[in-house]
N, C-alpha and C. Protein backbone atom coordinates (compact mmCIF):
# COMPACT_ATOMS: atom_id res chain seq x y z
N MET A 1 10.70 -4.48 -14.90
CA MET A 1 9.16 -4.38 -14.16
C MET A 1 8.99 -4.16 -12.94
N THR A 2 8.37 -3.52 -11.85
CA THR A 2 8.08 -3.30 -10.62
C THR A 2 6.88 -4.28 -10.35
N ILE A 3 7.26 -5.00 -9.05
CA ILE A 3 6.28 -5.74 -8.75
C ILE A 3 5.68 -5.09 -7.27
N ASN A 4 4.13 -4.72 -7.30
CA ASN A 4 3.69 -4.11 -6.22
C ASN A 4 3.49 -5.33 -5.09
N PHE A 5 4.06 -5.34 -4.54
CA PHE A 5 3.78 -6.61 -3.15
C PHE A 5 2.83 -6.21 -2.19
N PHE A 6 2.20 -5.63 -2.56
CA PHE A 6 0.62 -5.26 -1.70
C PHE A 6 -0.34 -5.59 -2.35
N SER A 7 -0.05 -5.99 -4.07
CA SER A 7 -1.61 -6.30 -4.61
C SER A 7 -1.50 -7.96 -4.96
N ASP A 8 -0.60 -8.61 -3.91
CA ASP A 8 -0.58 -9.89 -3.70
C ASP A 8 0.35 -9.88 -2.82
N PRO A 9 0.41 -9.86 -1.79
CA PRO A 9 1.50 -10.23 -0.71
C PRO A 9 2.15 -11.60 -0.37
N LYS A 10 0.84 -12.58 -0.50
CA LYS A 10 1.73 -13.78 -0.34
C LYS A 10 2.27 -14.43 -1.92
N ASN A 11 2.03 -14.07 -2.70
CA ASN A 11 2.49 -14.35 -3.59
C ASN A 11 3.80 -13.54 -4.28
N ASN A 12 4.00 -12.46 -3.49
CA ASN A 12 5.10 -12.21 -3.69
C ASN A 12 6.34 -11.83 -2.74
N ALA A 13 5.94 -12.50 -1.37
CA ALA A 13 6.70 -12.64 -0.42
C ALA A 13 7.88 -13.55 -0.73
N HIS A 14 8.79 -13.40 0.42
CA HIS A 14 9.51 -14.10 0.53
C HIS A 14 9.48 -15.66 0.88
N ALA A 15 10.11 -16.21 0.38
CA ALA A 15 10.14 -18.14 0.76
C ALA A 15 9.93 -18.11 2.08
N LYS A 16 10.90 -17.51 2.96
CA LYS A 16 10.83 -17.45 4.66
C LYS A 16 9.88 -17.25 5.24
N ALA A 17 9.33 -16.02 4.28
CA ALA A 17 8.10 -15.20 5.15
C ALA A 17 6.88 -16.16 4.96
N LYS A 18 6.59 -16.82 3.83
CA LYS A 18 5.75 -17.85 3.39
C LYS A 18 5.59 -18.92 4.12
N SER A 19 7.13 -19.74 4.50
CA SER A 19 7.12 -20.84 5.28
C SER A 19 6.83 -20.13 6.80
N LEU A 20 7.32 -19.34 7.16
CA LEU A 20 6.53 -19.00 8.92
C LEU A 20 5.43 -18.74 8.91
N MET A 21 4.53 -17.92 7.95
CA MET A 21 3.66 -17.88 7.76
C MET A 21 2.39 -17.94 7.23
N GLN A 22 2.00 -19.07 7.66
CA GLN A 22 1.21 -20.21 6.55
C GLN A 22 -0.18 -19.69 7.03
N GLU A 23 -0.83 -19.24 7.81
CA GLU A 23 -2.55 -19.19 8.47
C GLU A 23 -2.37 -17.86 7.52
N ASP A 24 -3.94 -18.08 6.78
CA ASP A 24 -4.43 -17.11 5.87
C ASP A 24 -4.20 -15.78 6.53
N PHE A 25 -4.10 -15.47 7.74
CA PHE A 25 -4.60 -14.25 8.64
C PHE A 25 -3.34 -13.32 8.08
N PHE A 26 -2.32 -14.08 8.09
CA PHE A 26 -1.33 -13.27 7.80
C PHE A 26 -1.41 -12.38 6.58
N TRP A 27 -2.03 -12.85 5.38
CA TRP A 27 -2.00 -12.16 4.09
C TRP A 27 -3.67 -11.70 4.06
N SER A 28 -4.65 -11.65 5.06
CA SER A 28 -5.57 -11.37 4.47
C SER A 28 -5.48 -9.63 4.52
N PRO A 29 -6.17 -9.20 3.23
CA PRO A 29 -6.51 -7.71 3.31
C PRO A 29 -7.68 -6.98 4.22
N ILE A 30 -8.78 -8.37 4.60
CA ILE A 30 -9.51 -7.60 5.45
C ILE A 30 -9.67 -7.72 6.71
N ASP A 31 -8.91 -8.90 7.36
CA ASP A 31 -8.80 -9.02 8.45
C ASP A 31 -8.36 -7.72 9.69
N GLU A 32 -9.07 -7.10 10.23
CA GLU A 32 -8.26 -5.85 10.64
C GLU A 32 -7.02 -6.05 11.92
N ALA A 33 -7.26 -7.20 12.66
CA ALA A 33 -5.73 -7.50 13.17
C ALA A 33 -4.84 -8.54 12.90
N GLY A 34 -4.59 -8.43 11.51
CA GLY A 34 -3.80 -8.76 10.60
C GLY A 34 -2.77 -7.87 9.73
N PRO A 35 -1.65 -8.17 9.75
CA PRO A 35 -0.45 -7.71 9.20
C PRO A 35 -1.06 -6.48 7.93
N PHE A 36 -1.68 -7.20 6.90
CA PHE A 36 -2.22 -6.02 5.88
C PHE A 36 -3.41 -6.00 5.58
N GLY A 37 -4.28 -6.07 7.29
CA GLY A 37 -5.62 -5.97 7.09
C GLY A 37 -5.73 -4.40 7.92
N SER A 38 -4.79 -4.01 8.73
CA SER A 38 -4.88 -3.11 9.09
C SER A 38 -4.50 -1.88 8.51
N ASP A 39 -4.78 -0.70 9.16
CA ASP A 39 -3.70 0.67 8.19
C ASP A 39 -2.81 0.52 8.77
N SER A 40 -2.82 0.22 10.47
CA SER A 40 -1.15 0.23 10.57
C SER A 40 0.07 -0.79 9.89
N GLY A 41 -0.69 -1.83 9.48
CA GLY A 41 0.31 -2.79 9.42
C GLY A 41 0.60 -2.35 7.91
N ALA A 42 -0.48 -1.68 7.16
CA ALA A 42 -0.09 -1.83 5.64
C ALA A 42 0.46 -0.67 5.50
N ASP A 43 0.29 0.50 6.73
CA ASP A 43 1.36 1.51 6.19
C ASP A 43 2.71 1.53 6.99
N ALA A 44 3.14 0.39 7.66
CA ALA A 44 4.30 -0.41 7.97
C ALA A 44 5.00 -0.70 7.05
N ALA A 45 4.47 -1.65 6.30
CA ALA A 45 4.75 -2.33 5.51
C ALA A 45 5.19 -1.66 4.21
N GLU A 46 4.00 -0.85 3.99
CA GLU A 46 4.83 0.14 2.73
C GLU A 46 5.93 1.08 3.14
N GLY A 47 5.96 1.78 4.27
CA GLY A 47 7.12 2.28 4.92
C GLY A 47 8.33 1.53 4.55
N PHE A 48 8.34 0.46 5.09
CA PHE A 48 9.66 -0.72 4.77
C PHE A 48 9.53 -0.75 3.49
N ASN A 49 9.12 -1.13 2.70
CA ASN A 49 9.46 -1.11 1.38
C ASN A 49 10.15 -0.31 0.70
N ARG A 50 9.52 1.09 1.07
CA ARG A 50 10.42 2.64 0.48
C ARG A 50 11.56 2.87 1.20
N TRP A 51 11.82 2.65 2.80
CA TRP A 51 12.88 2.61 3.42
C TRP A 51 13.96 1.59 2.75
N ARG A 52 13.42 0.07 2.64
CA ARG A 52 14.55 -0.58 2.14
C ARG A 52 15.06 -0.30 0.91
N LYS A 53 15.01 0.27 0.26
CA LYS A 53 15.03 0.49 -1.52
C LYS A 53 16.25 1.64 -1.06
N HIS A 54 16.27 2.35 -0.07
CA HIS A 54 17.74 3.20 0.12
C HIS A 54 18.14 2.76 1.43
N ASN A 55 17.94 1.60 2.07
CA ASN A 55 18.72 1.10 3.35
C ASN A 55 19.19 -0.26 3.11
N GLN A 56 19.86 -0.73 1.66
CA GLN A 56 20.29 -2.27 1.91
C GLN A 56 20.68 -2.26 2.74
N ASN A 57 21.85 -1.78 3.26
CA ASN A 57 22.77 -2.56 4.39
C ASN A 57 22.47 -2.39 5.41
N LEU A 58 21.04 -1.91 5.89
CA LEU A 58 21.20 -1.96 6.92
C LEU A 58 20.20 -2.69 7.52
N SER A 59 19.96 -3.40 8.73
CA SER A 59 19.25 -4.15 9.54
C SER A 59 17.75 -3.77 9.51
N PRO A 60 16.71 -4.74 8.99
CA PRO A 60 15.40 -4.14 8.96
C PRO A 60 15.06 -4.00 10.56
N ILE A 61 15.69 -4.28 11.52
CA ILE A 61 15.59 -4.12 12.84
C ILE A 61 15.56 -2.72 13.43
N LYS A 62 16.34 -1.58 12.43
CA LYS A 62 16.78 -0.28 12.58
C LYS A 62 15.26 0.39 12.30
N TYR A 63 14.89 0.09 10.99
CA TYR A 63 13.41 0.24 10.54
C TYR A 63 12.45 0.14 11.55
N LEU A 64 12.20 -0.94 12.16
CA LEU A 64 11.38 -1.66 13.21
C LEU A 64 11.32 -0.52 14.19
N ASN A 65 13.18 -0.50 14.98
CA ASN A 65 13.06 0.30 15.95
C ASN A 65 12.44 1.24 15.85
N ASP A 66 12.72 2.48 14.55
CA ASP A 66 12.64 3.81 14.48
C ASP A 66 10.78 4.12 14.31
N LEU A 67 10.17 3.14 14.01
CA LEU A 67 8.72 2.87 13.83
C LEU A 67 8.00 2.52 15.04
N LEU A 68 8.47 1.82 15.90
CA LEU A 68 8.15 1.59 17.24
C LEU A 68 8.16 2.93 17.98
N ILE A 69 9.30 3.50 18.30
CA ILE A 69 9.48 4.70 18.81
C ILE A 69 8.60 5.98 18.47
N ASN A 70 8.66 5.88 17.10
CA ASN A 70 7.64 7.25 16.02
C ASN A 70 6.24 6.75 16.92
N TRP A 71 5.85 5.45 17.18
CA TRP A 71 4.67 4.96 17.73
C TRP A 71 4.34 5.48 19.18
N GLY A 72 5.33 5.65 19.75
CA GLY A 72 5.40 5.83 20.99
C GLY A 72 5.35 4.68 21.91
N MET A 73 6.09 3.35 21.28
CA MET A 73 5.96 2.55 21.91
C MET A 73 7.02 1.76 22.56
N PRO A 74 7.44 0.87 23.69
CA PRO A 74 8.89 0.64 24.20
C PRO A 74 9.54 0.12 23.45
N LEU A 75 10.78 -0.12 23.28
CA LEU A 75 11.61 -0.96 22.36
C LEU A 75 12.10 -2.43 23.75
N LEU A 76 12.01 -3.38 23.28
CA LEU A 76 11.89 -4.55 24.05
C LEU A 76 12.86 -5.43 22.84
N ASP A 77 13.81 -5.95 23.85
CA ASP A 77 14.25 -7.24 23.43
C ASP A 77 13.61 -8.05 22.39
N TRP A 78 13.82 -8.30 21.17
CA TRP A 78 13.04 -8.93 19.78
C TRP A 78 12.55 -10.17 20.20
N ASN A 79 13.56 -11.07 21.16
CA ASN A 79 13.32 -11.96 21.31
C ASN A 79 12.41 -12.50 22.50
N GLU A 80 11.71 -11.24 23.23
CA GLU A 80 11.32 -11.23 24.77
C GLU A 80 9.74 -11.74 24.55
N LEU A 81 9.34 -13.18 25.01
CA LEU A 81 8.45 -14.32 25.08
C LEU A 81 7.66 -13.65 26.07
N ASP A 82 7.77 -13.27 27.33
CA ASP A 82 7.25 -12.89 28.28
C ASP A 82 6.23 -12.31 28.41
N GLU A 83 4.86 -12.45 28.71
CA GLU A 83 3.80 -11.34 28.44
C GLU A 83 3.87 -10.21 29.60
N ARG A 84 4.30 -11.33 30.94
CA ARG A 84 4.46 -9.95 31.94
C ARG A 84 5.53 -8.86 31.55
N ASN A 85 6.98 -9.03 30.91
CA ASN A 85 7.91 -8.37 30.44
C ASN A 85 7.11 -6.98 29.72
N ILE A 86 6.79 -7.61 28.78
CA ILE A 86 5.97 -7.10 27.34
C ILE A 86 5.22 -5.97 28.48
N TYR A 87 4.36 -6.77 28.87
CA TYR A 87 3.09 -5.90 29.57
C TYR A 87 3.65 -4.86 30.43
N LEU A 88 4.74 -4.87 31.46
CA LEU A 88 5.52 -3.90 32.20
C LEU A 88 6.07 -3.19 31.33
N ALA A 89 6.71 -3.47 30.81
CA ALA A 89 7.75 -2.49 29.33
C ALA A 89 6.92 -1.45 29.20
N ARG A 90 5.47 -1.80 28.53
CA ARG A 90 4.54 -0.98 27.93
C ARG A 90 3.91 0.21 29.14
N LEU A 91 3.84 -0.52 30.60
CA LEU A 91 3.30 0.52 31.58
C LEU A 91 4.57 1.82 31.89
N ILE A 92 5.70 1.38 31.76
CA ILE A 92 7.13 2.22 32.30
C ILE A 92 7.26 3.13 31.19
N SER A 93 7.21 2.90 29.95
CA SER A 93 7.26 3.81 28.45
C SER A 93 6.13 4.98 29.05
């Protein structure tokens, strides 16, 4: 049986995702700023779902880096929290 993650993302999500993303915002299909309410977020999630089926041994960071490059976004250290550095990286790219 195949589970359609996007029909009910919160109930089909990994336990770690549920524990980290507790606010309804993260799971809302109508909040444009949320991961599942925006076209970009939904497209990225669906693309990852397809990519993961063929790339079980690769880090998900590979998919995310490729996606960001495809969107014309700068690549940053994934642990970067300084808003100024994030803003400056966007100006440079």
